[in-house]
Amino acid sequence: MTSASACGKVILFGEHAVVYGRPAIAVPVSQVRAEAVVEPLPDAGDILLEAPDLGRNCWLSEAGADDAIAHLVRLTLKELGISAHGLRITVRSGLPIGRGMGSGAAVSTAIVRALSRHFGAGWPAEKVSALVFEAEKLYHGTPSGIDNTVIAFEAPVYFIKGQPPALLSIGAPLPLLIADTGIFSSTREVVGAVREAHARAPERYEGLFDAIGELVNTARQKLHADDLPALGRLMDENHRLLQEIGVSCPELDALVHAAKGAGALGAKLSGAGRGGNMIALVTPERAAVVEQALRTAGAVRVIFTQVSSPSAEQSRYAVA
């Protein structure tokens, strides 16, 4: 039996604009994880795919071409150069679906890691990320690539679509609260709606994306300098720009307002928007008060995480 896991993620700055070539910053959330287990299934001439959380149980040969998990398993086996059978692949996930935390990419990353380890390959993060990106296309249509990158490396990432990822060095641990609206948000649908709006008013949306891109680059500097108050103000401005793009909703705005009222340094939606999660930058002293305010304002789940710089092993990828 071989097992592997993968973390969740949140986008700290730059969602939506990142699809149009602007930079974004994403960070891992190690407290929530997906796990994949690969084990022999004697006498089976096929591979059994099980996802108990989803009530799913099917053979690989029966899964359609639009099945992202099956597609990923086939790609991984092809990359390994083997035609496997007699296996059971079981997937479990603690990440909520449709909340902007990268649930699909986390499941995919865990599967690729588990299969590569099971067959003795033990691929590095960059190879895992590239394979997971192929599955992301089925989940999201036109993904930016940020989810698979931050989850595969499990480190803060500065990302521009089409360019190699840069792991981001930060000055000190970053305390965040992640609050779930309880509303499912389809990345594919929201990204598609923004694309349609961009096509109707390209100059307006390009201006909004430019403003977000500039904000991301400023945030990158402030992260390295450990300037939390400035980062908080940039989060507030990023949320305002996302409101203008049209991807917030009353529930997200209410959580942002509650976090700020309770003493958060900054707050914004994270991910596709129109549901899903918002994030709040807090001080450790105010974290409990802000968390209670978020729950009172309707959050169905609140996670506290502290984001740190890449490990020494990952440092060759890192930039300031």
C-alpha atoms as a PDB file:
ATOM      1  CA  MET A   1       0.000   0.000   0.000  1.00  0.00           C
ATOM      2  CA  THR A   2       1.248   3.498  -0.880  1.00  0.00           C
ATOM      3  CA  SER A   3      -0.301   6.734   0.308  1.00  0.00           C
ATOM      4  CA  ALA A   4       0.248  10.419  -0.394  1.00  0.00           C
ATOM      5  CA  SER A   5      -1.498  13.622   0.563  1.00  0.00           C
ATOM      6  CA  ALA A   6      -1.788  17.190  -0.693  1.00  0.00           C
ATOM      7  CA  CYS A   7      -2.772  20.480   0.924  1.00  0.00           C
ATOM      8  CA  GLY A   8      -5.428  23.017   0.065  1.00  0.00           C
ATOM      9  CA  LYS A   9      -4.751  26.587  -1.006  1.00  0.00           C
ATOM     10  CA  VAL A  10      -6.146  30.103  -1.059  1.00  0.00           C
ATOM     11  CA  ILE A  11      -5.348  32.931  -3.442  1.00  0.00           C
ATOM     12  CA  LEU A  12      -3.976  35.820  -1.441  1.00  0.00           C
ATOM     13  CA  PHE A  13      -3.985  38.370  -4.270  1.00  0.00           C
ATOM     14  CA  GLY A  14      -4.777  38.441  -7.981  1.00  0.00           C
ATOM     15  CA  GLU A  15      -7.636  36.043  -8.753  1.00  0.00           C
ATOM     16  CA  HIS A  16      -9.348  36.473 -12.135  1.00  0.00           C
ATOM     17  CA  ALA A  17      -6.683  38.912 -13.362  1.00  0.00           C
ATOM     18  CA  VAL A  18      -4.244  35.972 -13.327  1.00  0.00           C
ATOM     19  CA  VAL A  19      -6.273  34.321 -16.124  1.00  0.00           C
ATOM     20  CA  TYR A  20      -5.412  37.350 -18.297  1.00  0.00           C
ATOM     21  CA  GLY A  21      -1.654  37.274 -17.766  1.00  0.00           C
ATOM     22  CA  ARG A  22      -1.333  39.357 -14.611  1.00  0.00           C
ATOM     23  CA  PRO A  23       0.509  38.036 -11.540  1.00  0.00           C
ATOM     24  CA  ALA A  24      -1.118  36.408  -8.540  1.00  0.00           C
ATOM     25  CA  ILE A  25       0.015  35.213  -5.139  1.00  0.00           C
ATOM     26  CA  ALA A  26      -1.328  31.997  -3.653  1.00  0.00           C
ATOM     27  CA  VAL A  27      -0.495  30.270  -0.378  1.00  0.00           C
ATOM     28  CA  PRO A  28      -0.929  26.700   0.878  1.00  0.00           C
ATOM     29  CA  VAL A  29      -3.383  25.704   3.602  1.00  0.00           C
ATOM     30  CA  SER A  30      -1.809  22.664   5.210  1.00  0.00           C
ATOM     31  CA  GLN A  31      -4.585  22.146   7.773  1.00  0.00           C
ATOM     32  CA  VAL A  32      -6.929  20.659   5.162  1.00  0.00           C
ATOM     33  CA  ARG A  33      -5.729  17.827   2.919  1.00  0.00           C
ATOM     34  CA  ALA A  34      -6.680  15.265   0.327  1.00  0.00           C
ATOM     35  CA  GLU A  35      -5.253  11.746   0.515  1.00  0.00           C
ATOM     36  CA  ALA A  36      -4.835   9.011  -2.093  1.00  0.00           C
ATOM     37  CA  VAL A  37      -4.050   5.380  -1.312  1.00  0.00           C
ATOM     38  CA  VAL A  38      -2.824   2.913  -3.947  1.00  0.00           C
ATOM     39  CA  GLU A  39      -2.961  -0.774  -3.065  1.00  0.00           C
ATOM     40  CA  PRO A  40      -2.920  -4.099  -4.900  1.00  0.00           C
ATOM     41  CA  LEU A  41      -6.227  -5.646  -5.914  1.00  0.00           C
ATOM     42  CA  PRO A  42      -5.303  -9.261  -6.646  1.00  0.00           C
ATOM     43  CA  ASP A  43      -6.805 -10.959  -9.696  1.00  0.00           C
ATOM     44  CA  ALA A  44      -8.399  -7.736 -10.981  1.00  0.00           C
ATOM     45  CA  GLY A  45      -7.738  -6.949 -14.612  1.00  0.00           C
ATOM     46  CA  ASP A  46      -8.597  -3.289 -14.107  1.00  0.00           C
ATOM     47  CA  ILE A  47      -8.088  -0.390 -11.702  1.00  0.00           C
ATOM     48  CA  LEU A  48     -10.817   0.385  -9.189  1.00  0.00           C
ATOM     49  CA  LEU A  49     -11.362   4.080  -8.424  1.00  0.00           C
ATOM     50  CA  GLU A  50     -12.997   4.772  -5.066  1.00  0.00           C
ATOM     51  CA  ALA A  51     -14.012   8.110  -3.568  1.00  0.00           C
ATOM     52  CA  PRO A  52     -16.079   7.329  -0.451  1.00  0.00           C
ATOM     53  CA  ASP A  53     -16.704  11.036   0.264  1.00  0.00           C
ATOM     54  CA  LEU A  54     -18.477  11.306  -3.091  1.00  0.00           C
ATOM     55  CA  GLY A  55     -20.162   7.904  -2.990  1.00  0.00           C
ATOM     56  CA  ARG A  56     -18.118   6.906  -6.028  1.00  0.00           C
ATOM     57  CA  ASN A  57     -16.892   3.448  -6.995  1.00  0.00           C
ATOM     58  CA  CYS A  58     -16.043   2.600 -10.628  1.00  0.00           C
ATOM     59  CA  TRP A  59     -13.528   0.794 -12.800  1.00  0.00           C
ATOM     60  CA  LEU A  60     -11.049   2.857 -14.783  1.00  0.00           C
ATOM     61  CA  SER A  61     -12.050   1.170 -18.035  1.00  0.00           C
ATOM     62  CA  GLU A  62     -15.660   2.285 -17.522  1.00  0.00           C
ATOM     63  CA  ALA A  63     -14.897   5.940 -16.766  1.00  0.00           C
ATOM     64  CA  GLY A  64     -15.562   8.439 -19.537  1.00  0.00           C
ATOM     65  CA  ALA A  65     -13.098  10.820 -21.167  1.00  0.00           C
ATOM     66  CA  ASP A  66     -14.621  13.727 -19.218  1.00  0.00           C
ATOM     67  CA  ASP A  67     -13.862  12.108 -15.856  1.00  0.00           C
ATOM     68  CA  ALA A  68     -11.003  14.216 -14.443  1.00  0.00           C
ATOM     69  CA  ILE A  69      -9.745  11.608 -11.965  1.00  0.00           C
ATOM     70  CA  ALA A  70      -9.755   8.805 -14.540  1.00  0.00           C
ATOM     71  CA  HIS A  71      -8.113  11.115 -17.090  1.00  0.00           C
ATOM     72  CA  LEU A  72      -5.375  11.932 -14.595  1.00  0.00           C
ATOM     73  CA  VAL A  73      -4.773   8.269 -13.709  1.00  0.00           C
ATOM     74  CA  ARG A  74      -4.434   7.397 -17.401  1.00  0.00           C
ATOM     75  CA  LEU A  75      -2.016  10.299 -17.975  1.00  0.00           C
ATOM     76  CA  THR A  76       0.069   9.342 -14.956  1.00  0.00           C
ATOM     77  CA  LEU A  77       0.346   5.680 -15.972  1.00  0.00           C
ATOM     78  CA  LYS A  78       1.305   6.738 -19.503  1.00  0.00           C
ATOM     79  CA  GLU A  79       4.002   9.051 -18.111  1.00  0.00           C
ATOM     80  CA  LEU A  80       5.255   6.193 -15.936  1.00  0.00           C
ATOM     81  CA  GLY A  81       5.421   4.028 -19.046  1.00  0.00           C
ATOM     82  CA  ILE A  82       3.357   1.203 -17.614  1.00  0.00           C
ATOM     83  CA  SER A  83       0.017  -0.440 -18.276  1.00  0.00           C
ATOM     84  CA  ALA A  84      -1.131  -1.148 -14.748  1.00  0.00           C
ATOM     85  CA  HIS A  85      -4.000  -3.274 -13.534  1.00  0.00           C
ATOM     86  CA  GLY A  86      -4.928  -5.030 -10.322  1.00  0.00           C
ATOM     87  CA  LEU A  87      -4.992  -1.824  -8.295  1.00  0.00           C
ATOM     88  CA  ARG A  88      -7.393   0.047  -6.037  1.00  0.00           C
ATOM     89  CA  ILE A  89      -7.007   3.833  -5.811  1.00  0.00           C
ATOM     90  CA  THR A  90      -8.931   5.328  -2.899  1.00  0.00           C
ATOM     91  CA  VAL A  91      -9.319   9.077  -2.532  1.00  0.00           C
ATOM     92  CA  ARG A  92     -10.513  10.979   0.530  1.00  0.00           C
ATOM     93  CA  SER A  93     -10.582  14.741   0.969  1.00  0.00           C
ATOM     94  CA  GLY A  94     -11.110  17.148   3.831  1.00  0.00           C
ATOM     95  CA  LEU A  95     -11.386  20.090   1.418  1.00  0.00           C
ATOM     96  CA  PRO A  96     -14.842  21.491   0.699  1.00  0.00           C
ATOM     97  CA  ILE A  97     -15.772  21.417  -2.997  1.00  0.00           C
ATOM     98  CA  GLY A  98     -16.465  24.671  -4.812  1.00  0.00           C
ATOM     99  CA  ARG A  99     -14.973  26.941  -2.163  1.00  0.00           C
ATOM    100  CA  GLY A 100     -11.827  28.171  -3.896  1.00  0.00           C
ATOM    101  CA  MET A 101      -9.483  25.981  -1.869  1.00  0.00           C
ATOM    102  CA  GLY A 102      -8.236  23.870  -4.764  1.00  0.00           C
ATOM    103  CA  SER A 103     -10.093  20.660  -3.894  1.00  0.00           C
ATOM    104  CA  GLY A 104      -9.726  19.241  -7.406  1.00  0.00           C
ATOM    105  CA  ALA A 105      -6.023  20.053  -7.630  1.00  0.00           C
ATOM    106  CA  ALA A 106      -5.406  18.625  -4.147  1.00  0.00           C
ATOM    107  CA  VAL A 107      -7.080  15.322  -5.032  1.00  0.00           C
ATOM    108  CA  SER A 108      -5.159  15.182  -8.318  1.00  0.00           C
ATOM    109  CA  THR A 109      -1.844  15.972  -6.633  1.00  0.00           C
ATOM    110  CA  ALA A 110      -2.375  13.249  -4.047  1.00  0.00           C
ATOM    111  CA  ILE A 111      -3.168  10.711  -6.796  1.00  0.00           C
ATOM    112  CA  VAL A 112      -0.116  11.571  -8.904  1.00  0.00           C
ATOM    113  CA  ARG A 113       2.156  11.464  -5.855  1.00  0.00           C
ATOM    114  CA  ALA A 114       0.758   8.138  -4.675  1.00  0.00           C
ATOM    115  CA  LEU A 115       1.027   6.478  -8.109  1.00  0.00           C
ATOM    116  CA  SER A 116       4.534   7.779  -8.774  1.00  0.00           C
ATOM    117  CA  ARG A 117       5.699   6.574  -5.359  1.00  0.00           C
ATOM    118  CA  HIS A 118       3.949   3.224  -5.757  1.00  0.00           C
ATOM    119  CA  PHE A 119       5.890   2.536  -8.935  1.00  0.00           C
ATOM    120  CA  GLY A 120       9.184   3.877  -7.592  1.00  0.00           C
ATOM    121  CA  ALA A 121       9.355   7.167  -9.465  1.00  0.00           C
ATOM    122  CA  GLY A 122       8.819   9.697  -6.659  1.00  0.00           C
ATOM    123  CA  TRP A 123       8.432  12.636  -9.032  1.00  0.00           C
ATOM    124  CA  PRO A 124       9.461  16.179  -7.980  1.00  0.00           C
ATOM    125  CA  ALA A 125       6.897  18.908  -7.440  1.00  0.00           C
ATOM    126  CA  GLU A 126       7.322  20.516 -10.860  1.00  0.00           C
ATOM    127  CA  LYS A 127       6.512  17.259 -12.684  1.00  0.00           C
ATOM    128  CA  VAL A 128       3.539  16.546 -10.420  1.00  0.00           C
ATOM    129  CA  SER A 129       2.250  20.069 -11.037  1.00  0.00           C
ATOM    130  CA  ALA A 130       2.466  19.716 -14.826  1.00  0.00           C
ATOM    131  CA  LEU A 131       0.389  16.519 -14.813  1.00  0.00           C
ATOM    132  CA  VAL A 132      -2.194  17.918 -12.414  1.00  0.00           C
ATOM    133  CA  PHE A 133      -2.639  20.932 -14.698  1.00  0.00           C
ATOM    134  CA  GLU A 134      -3.991  18.591 -17.374  1.00  0.00           C
ATOM    135  CA  ALA A 135      -6.747  17.425 -15.015  1.00  0.00           C
ATOM    136  CA  GLU A 136      -7.436  21.042 -14.039  1.00  0.00           C
ATOM    137  CA  LYS A 137      -8.468  21.714 -17.638  1.00  0.00           C
ATOM    138  CA  LEU A 138     -11.365  19.285 -17.204  1.00  0.00           C
ATOM    139  CA  TYR A 139     -12.353  20.763 -13.844  1.00  0.00           C
ATOM    140  CA  HIS A 140     -12.170  24.427 -14.810  1.00  0.00           C
ATOM    141  CA  GLY A 141     -12.008  24.800 -18.582  1.00  0.00           C
ATOM    142  CA  THR A 142      -9.286  27.478 -18.789  1.00  0.00           C
ATOM    143  CA  PRO A 143      -7.352  27.246 -15.518  1.00  0.00           C
ATOM    144  CA  SER A 144      -4.572  29.695 -14.771  1.00  0.00           C
ATOM    145  CA  GLY A 145      -2.288  26.976 -13.407  1.00  0.00           C
ATOM    146  CA  ILE A 146      -1.950  28.579 -10.002  1.00  0.00           C
ATOM    147  CA  ASP A 147      -3.809  25.867  -8.059  1.00  0.00           C
ATOM    148  CA  ASN A 148      -1.665  22.965  -9.208  1.00  0.00           C
ATOM    149  CA  THR A 149       1.500  25.013  -8.661  1.00  0.00           C
ATOM    150  CA  VAL A 150       0.926  26.135  -5.069  1.00  0.00           C
ATOM    151  CA  ILE A 151      -0.484  22.750  -4.030  1.00  0.00           C
ATOM    152  CA  ALA A 152       2.239  20.650  -5.644  1.00  0.00           C
ATOM    153  CA  PHE A 153       4.998  22.781  -4.080  1.00  0.00           C
ATOM    154  CA  GLU A 154       3.050  23.419  -0.821  1.00  0.00           C
ATOM    155  CA  ALA A 155       4.668  26.825  -0.525  1.00  0.00           C
ATOM    156  CA  PRO A 156       3.735  30.467  -1.237  1.00  0.00           C
ATOM    157  CA  VAL A 157       3.825  31.090  -4.973  1.00  0.00           C
ATOM    158  CA  TYR A 158       4.146  34.181  -7.155  1.00  0.00           C
ATOM    159  CA  PHE A 159       2.624  33.129 -10.431  1.00  0.00           C
ATOM    160  CA  ILE A 160       2.213  34.480 -13.955  1.00  0.00           C
ATOM    161  CA  LYS A 161       0.425  32.279 -16.460  1.00  0.00           C
ATOM    162  CA  GLY A 162       2.815  30.709 -18.953  1.00  0.00           C
ATOM    163  CA  GLN A 163       5.919  31.420 -16.869  1.00  0.00           C
ATOM    164  CA  PRO A 164       7.800  29.143 -14.460  1.00  0.00           C
ATOM    165  CA  PRO A 165       6.436  29.441 -10.910  1.00  0.00           C
ATOM    166  CA  ALA A 166       8.436  31.387  -8.359  1.00  0.00           C
ATOM    167  CA  LEU A 167       8.196  30.296  -4.747  1.00  0.00           C
ATOM    168  CA  LEU A 168       7.831  33.362  -2.595  1.00  0.00           C
ATOM    169  CA  SER A 169       9.982  34.187   0.417  1.00  0.00           C
ATOM    170  CA  ILE A 170       8.040  36.035   3.106  1.00  0.00           C
ATOM    171  CA  GLY A 171       9.349  38.007   6.048  1.00  0.00           C
ATOM    172  CA  ALA A 172       7.441  36.274   8.870  1.00  0.00           C
ATOM    173  CA  PRO A 173       4.561  33.811   9.309  1.00  0.00           C
ATOM    174  CA  LEU A 174       1.336  35.203   7.883  1.00  0.00           C
ATOM    175  CA  PRO A 175      -1.740  34.623  10.106  1.00  0.00           C
ATOM    176  CA  LEU A 176      -4.939  34.109   8.102  1.00  0.00           C
ATOM    177  CA  LEU A 177      -8.527  33.175   8.839  1.00  0.00           C
ATOM    178  CA  ILE A 178     -10.430  31.445   6.038  1.00  0.00           C
ATOM    179  CA  ALA A 179     -14.209  31.718   6.321  1.00  0.00           C
ATOM    180  CA  ASP A 180     -16.598  29.603   4.246  1.00  0.00           C
ATOM    181  CA  THR A 181     -19.875  31.157   3.081  1.00  0.00           C
ATOM    182  CA  GLY A 182     -21.337  27.688   2.604  1.00  0.00           C
ATOM    183  CA  ILE A 183     -22.188  28.601  -0.997  1.00  0.00           C
ATOM    184  CA  PHE A 184     -20.903  26.399  -3.820  1.00  0.00           C
ATOM    185  CA  SER A 185     -18.991  28.381  -6.440  1.00  0.00           C
ATOM    186  CA  SER A 186     -18.143  26.950  -9.853  1.00  0.00           C
ATOM    187  CA  THR A 187     -14.792  28.300 -11.020  1.00  0.00           C
ATOM    188  CA  ARG A 188     -15.634  27.325 -14.583  1.00  0.00           C
ATOM    189  CA  GLU A 189     -18.911  29.273 -14.534  1.00  0.00           C
ATOM    190  CA  VAL A 190     -17.592  32.385 -12.796  1.00  0.00           C
ATOM    191  CA  VAL A 191     -14.471  32.570 -14.972  1.00  0.00           C
ATOM    192  CA  GLY A 192     -16.735  32.150 -18.010  1.00  0.00           C
ATOM    193  CA  ALA A 193     -18.991  34.983 -16.848  1.00  0.00           C
ATOM    194  CA  VAL A 194     -15.988  37.273 -16.418  1.00  0.00           C
ATOM    195  CA  ARG A 195     -14.780  36.317 -19.886  1.00  0.00           C
ATOM    196  CA  GLU A 196     -18.131  37.331 -21.350  1.00  0.00           C
ATOM    197  CA  ALA A 197     -18.095  40.627 -19.456  1.00  0.00           C
ATOM    198  CA  HIS A 198     -14.535  41.271 -20.637  1.00  0.00           C
ATOM    199  CA  ALA A 199     -15.607  40.679 -24.235  1.00  0.00           C
ATOM    200  CA  ARG A 200     -18.400  43.271 -23.863  1.00  0.00           C
ATOM    201  CA  ALA A 201     -16.182  45.912 -22.218  1.00  0.00           C
ATOM    202  CA  PRO A 202     -12.531  45.007 -22.844  1.00  0.00           C
ATOM    203  CA  GLU A 203     -11.016  48.389 -21.987  1.00  0.00           C
ATOM    204  CA  ARG A 204     -12.778  48.576 -18.635  1.00  0.00           C
ATOM    205  CA  TYR A 205     -11.795  45.049 -17.637  1.00  0.00           C
ATOM    206  CA  GLU A 206      -8.225  45.374 -18.865  1.00  0.00           C
ATOM    207  CA  GLY A 207      -7.946  48.454 -16.651  1.00  0.00           C
ATOM    208  CA  LEU A 208      -9.247  46.505 -13.655  1.00  0.00           C
ATOM    209  CA  PHE A 209      -6.844  43.638 -14.363  1.00  0.00           C
ATOM    210  CA  ASP A 210      -3.941  46.088 -14.667  1.00  0.00           C
ATOM    211  CA  ALA A 211      -4.820  47.619 -11.297  1.00  0.00           C
ATOM    212  CA  ILE A 212      -4.890  44.170  -9.693  1.00  0.00           C
ATOM    213  CA  GLY A 213      -1.562  43.266 -11.285  1.00  0.00           C
ATOM    214  CA  GLU A 214       0.101  46.378  -9.868  1.00  0.00           C
ATOM    215  CA  LEU A 215      -1.407  45.648  -6.476  1.00  0.00           C
ATOM    216  CA  VAL A 216      -0.013  42.083  -6.544  1.00  0.00           C
ATOM    217  CA  ASN A 217       3.503  43.325  -7.220  1.00  0.00           C
ATOM    218  CA  THR A 218       3.247  45.788  -4.342  1.00  0.00           C
ATOM    219  CA  ALA A 219       1.965  42.986  -2.093  1.00  0.00           C
ATOM    220  CA  ARG A 220       4.943  40.841  -3.043  1.00  0.00           C
ATOM    221  CA  GLN A 221       7.273  43.553  -1.713  1.00  0.00           C
ATOM    222  CA  LYS A 222       5.252  44.007   1.476  1.00  0.00           C
ATOM    223  CA  LEU A 223       5.240  40.260   2.138  1.00  0.00           C
ATOM    224  CA  HIS A 224       9.020  40.178   1.970  1.00  0.00           C
ATOM    225  CA  ALA A 225       9.217  43.216   4.270  1.00  0.00           C
ATOM    226  CA  ASP A 226       6.728  41.729   6.781  1.00  0.00           C
ATOM    227  CA  ASP A 227       4.520  44.839   6.546  1.00  0.00           C
ATOM    228  CA  LEU A 228       1.198  43.361   7.704  1.00  0.00           C
ATOM    229  CA  PRO A 229      -0.764  46.656   7.946  1.00  0.00           C
ATOM    230  CA  ALA A 230       0.135  47.495   4.335  1.00  0.00           C
ATOM    231  CA  LEU A 231      -0.815  43.989   3.236  1.00  0.00           C
ATOM    232  CA  GLY A 232      -4.170  44.387   4.937  1.00  0.00           C
ATOM    233  CA  ARG A 233      -4.884  47.596   3.046  1.00  0.00           C
ATOM    234  CA  LEU A 234      -3.938  45.901  -0.218  1.00  0.00           C
ATOM    235  CA  MET A 235      -6.361  43.050   0.557  1.00  0.00           C
ATOM    236  CA  ASP A 236      -9.145  45.581   1.078  1.00  0.00           C
ATOM    237  CA  GLU A 237      -8.347  47.233  -2.248  1.00  0.00           C
ATOM    238  CA  ASN A 238      -8.170  43.874  -4.028  1.00  0.00           C
ATOM    239  CA  HIS A 239     -11.655  43.035  -2.720  1.00  0.00           C
ATOM    240  CA  ARG A 240     -12.989  46.365  -3.970  1.00  0.00           C
ATOM    241  CA  LEU A 241     -11.599  45.681  -7.441  1.00  0.00           C
ATOM    242  CA  LEU A 242     -13.122  42.187  -7.426  1.00  0.00           C
ATOM    243  CA  GLN A 243     -16.455  43.759  -6.536  1.00  0.00           C
ATOM    244  CA  GLU A 244     -16.090  45.962  -9.618  1.00  0.00           C
ATOM    245  CA  ILE A 245     -15.316  42.917 -11.733  1.00  0.00           C
ATOM    246  CA  GLY A 246     -18.613  41.489 -10.479  1.00  0.00           C
ATOM    247  CA  VAL A 247     -17.508  38.361  -8.629  1.00  0.00           C
ATOM    248  CA  SER A 248     -18.390  39.180  -5.036  1.00  0.00           C
ATOM    249  CA  CYS A 249     -21.797  38.545  -3.468  1.00  0.00           C
ATOM    250  CA  PRO A 250     -23.706  39.812  -0.387  1.00  0.00           C
ATOM    251  CA  GLU A 251     -22.552  36.877   1.741  1.00  0.00           C
ATOM    252  CA  LEU A 252     -18.881  37.479   0.966  1.00  0.00           C
ATOM    253  CA  ASP A 253     -19.234  41.217   1.513  1.00  0.00           C
ATOM    254  CA  ALA A 254     -20.913  40.580   4.878  1.00  0.00           C
ATOM    255  CA  LEU A 255     -18.023  38.383   6.021  1.00  0.00           C
ATOM    256  CA  VAL A 256     -15.467  40.954   4.866  1.00  0.00           C
ATOM    257  CA  HIS A 257     -17.349  43.664   6.762  1.00  0.00           C
ATOM    258  CA  ALA A 258     -17.564  41.511   9.908  1.00  0.00           C
ATOM    259  CA  ALA A 259     -13.840  40.686   9.832  1.00  0.00           C
ATOM    260  CA  LYS A 260     -12.850  44.323   9.442  1.00  0.00           C
ATOM    261  CA  GLY A 261     -15.252  45.388  12.190  1.00  0.00           C
ATOM    262  CA  ALA A 262     -13.678  42.880  14.572  1.00  0.00           C
ATOM    263  CA  GLY A 263     -10.152  44.141  13.991  1.00  0.00           C
ATOM    264  CA  ALA A 264      -8.811  42.241  10.966  1.00  0.00           C
ATOM    265  CA  LEU A 265      -6.008  44.087   9.184  1.00  0.00           C
ATOM    266  CA  GLY A 266      -7.606  43.327   5.815  1.00  0.00           C
ATOM    267  CA  ALA A 267     -10.102  40.991   4.192  1.00  0.00           C
ATOM    268  CA  LYS A 268     -11.172  39.878   0.714  1.00  0.00           C
ATOM    269  CA  LEU A 269     -12.857  37.099  -1.176  1.00  0.00           C
ATOM    270  CA  SER A 270     -10.523  34.332  -2.307  1.00  0.00           C
ATOM    271  CA  GLY A 271     -10.942  32.270  -5.449  1.00  0.00           C
ATOM    272  CA  ALA A 272     -13.644  32.498  -8.070  1.00  0.00           C
ATOM    273  CA  GLY A 273     -16.089  34.415  -5.864  1.00  0.00           C
ATOM    274  CA  ARG A 274     -19.902  34.454  -5.915  1.00  0.00           C
ATOM    275  CA  GLY A 275     -19.692  32.128  -2.917  1.00  0.00           C
ATOM    276  CA  GLY A 276     -16.844  30.071  -1.592  1.00  0.00           C
ATOM    277  CA  ASN A 277     -14.388  31.563   0.887  1.00  0.00           C
ATOM    278  CA  MET A 278     -13.109  34.873   2.084  1.00  0.00           C
ATOM    279  CA  ILE A 279      -9.811  35.408   3.879  1.00  0.00           C
ATOM    280  CA  ALA A 280      -8.865  37.814   6.650  1.00  0.00           C
ATOM    281  CA  LEU A 281      -5.390  38.890   7.694  1.00  0.00           C
ATOM    282  CA  VAL A 282      -5.246  39.015  11.485  1.00  0.00           C
ATOM    283  CA  THR A 283      -2.850  39.456  14.349  1.00  0.00           C
ATOM    284  CA  PRO A 284      -2.571  36.437  16.673  1.00  0.00           C
ATOM    285  CA  GLU A 285      -4.062  38.574  19.458  1.00  0.00           C
ATOM    286  CA  ARG A 286      -7.238  39.337  17.475  1.00  0.00           C
ATOM    287  CA  ALA A 287      -7.660  35.989  15.741  1.00  0.00           C
ATOM    288  CA  ALA A 288     -10.213  34.546  18.183  1.00  0.00           C
ATOM    289  CA  VAL A 289     -12.324  37.720  18.189  1.00  0.00           C
ATOM    290  CA  VAL A 290     -12.347  37.920  14.386  1.00  0.00           C
ATOM    291  CA  GLU A 291     -13.198  34.221  14.115  1.00  0.00           C
ATOM    292  CA  GLN A 292     -16.214  34.649  16.384  1.00  0.00           C
ATOM    293  CA  ALA A 293     -17.370  37.665  14.376  1.00  0.00           C
ATOM    294  CA  LEU A 294     -17.146  35.646  11.171  1.00  0.00           C
ATOM    295  CA  ARG A 295     -19.208  32.813  12.638  1.00  0.00           C
ATOM    296  CA  THR A 296     -21.799  35.287  13.891  1.00  0.00           C
ATOM    297  CA  ALA A 297     -21.946  36.818  10.400  1.00  0.00           C
ATOM    298  CA  GLY A 298     -22.792  33.448   8.863  1.00  0.00           C
ATOM    299  CA  ALA A 299     -19.541  31.593   8.176  1.00  0.00           C
ATOM    300  CA  VAL A 300     -20.206  27.844   8.229  1.00  0.00           C
ATOM    301  CA  ARG A 301     -16.540  27.017   8.813  1.00  0.00           C
ATOM    302  CA  VAL A 302     -13.487  29.027   9.821  1.00  0.00           C
ATOM    303  CA  ILE A 303      -9.898  27.798   9.501  1.00  0.00           C
ATOM    304  CA  PHE A 304      -6.868  29.476  11.049  1.00  0.00           C
ATOM    305  CA  THR A 305      -3.564  29.025   9.233  1.00  0.00           C
ATOM    306  CA  GLN A 306      -0.102  30.553   9.370  1.00  0.00           C
ATOM    307  CA  VAL A 307       1.813  30.725   6.112  1.00  0.00           C
ATOM    308  CA  SER A 308       5.602  30.492   6.179  1.00  0.00           C
ATOM    309  CA  SER A 309       8.422  30.824   3.660  1.00  0.00           C
ATOM    310  CA  PRO A 310       9.458  27.845   1.517  1.00  0.00           C
ATOM    311  CA  SER A 311      11.552  25.188   3.224  1.00  0.00           C
ATOM    312  CA  ALA A 312      15.318  25.005   2.810  1.00  0.00           C
ATOM    313  CA  GLU A 313      14.813  22.119   0.372  1.00  0.00           C
ATOM    314  CA  GLN A 314      12.574  24.298  -1.800  1.00  0.00           C
ATOM    315  CA  SER A 315      14.755  27.409  -1.578  1.00  0.00           C
ATOM    316  CA  ARG A 316      16.289  26.977  -5.050  1.00  0.00           C
ATOM    317  CA  TYR A 317      12.884  27.930  -6.465  1.00  0.00           C
ATOM    318  CA  ALA A 318      12.279  30.840  -4.109  1.00  0.00           C
ATOM    319  CA  VAL A 319      12.443  34.557  -4.834  1.00  0.00           C
ATOM    320  CA  ALA A 320      12.028  37.618  -2.638  1.00  0.00           C
END
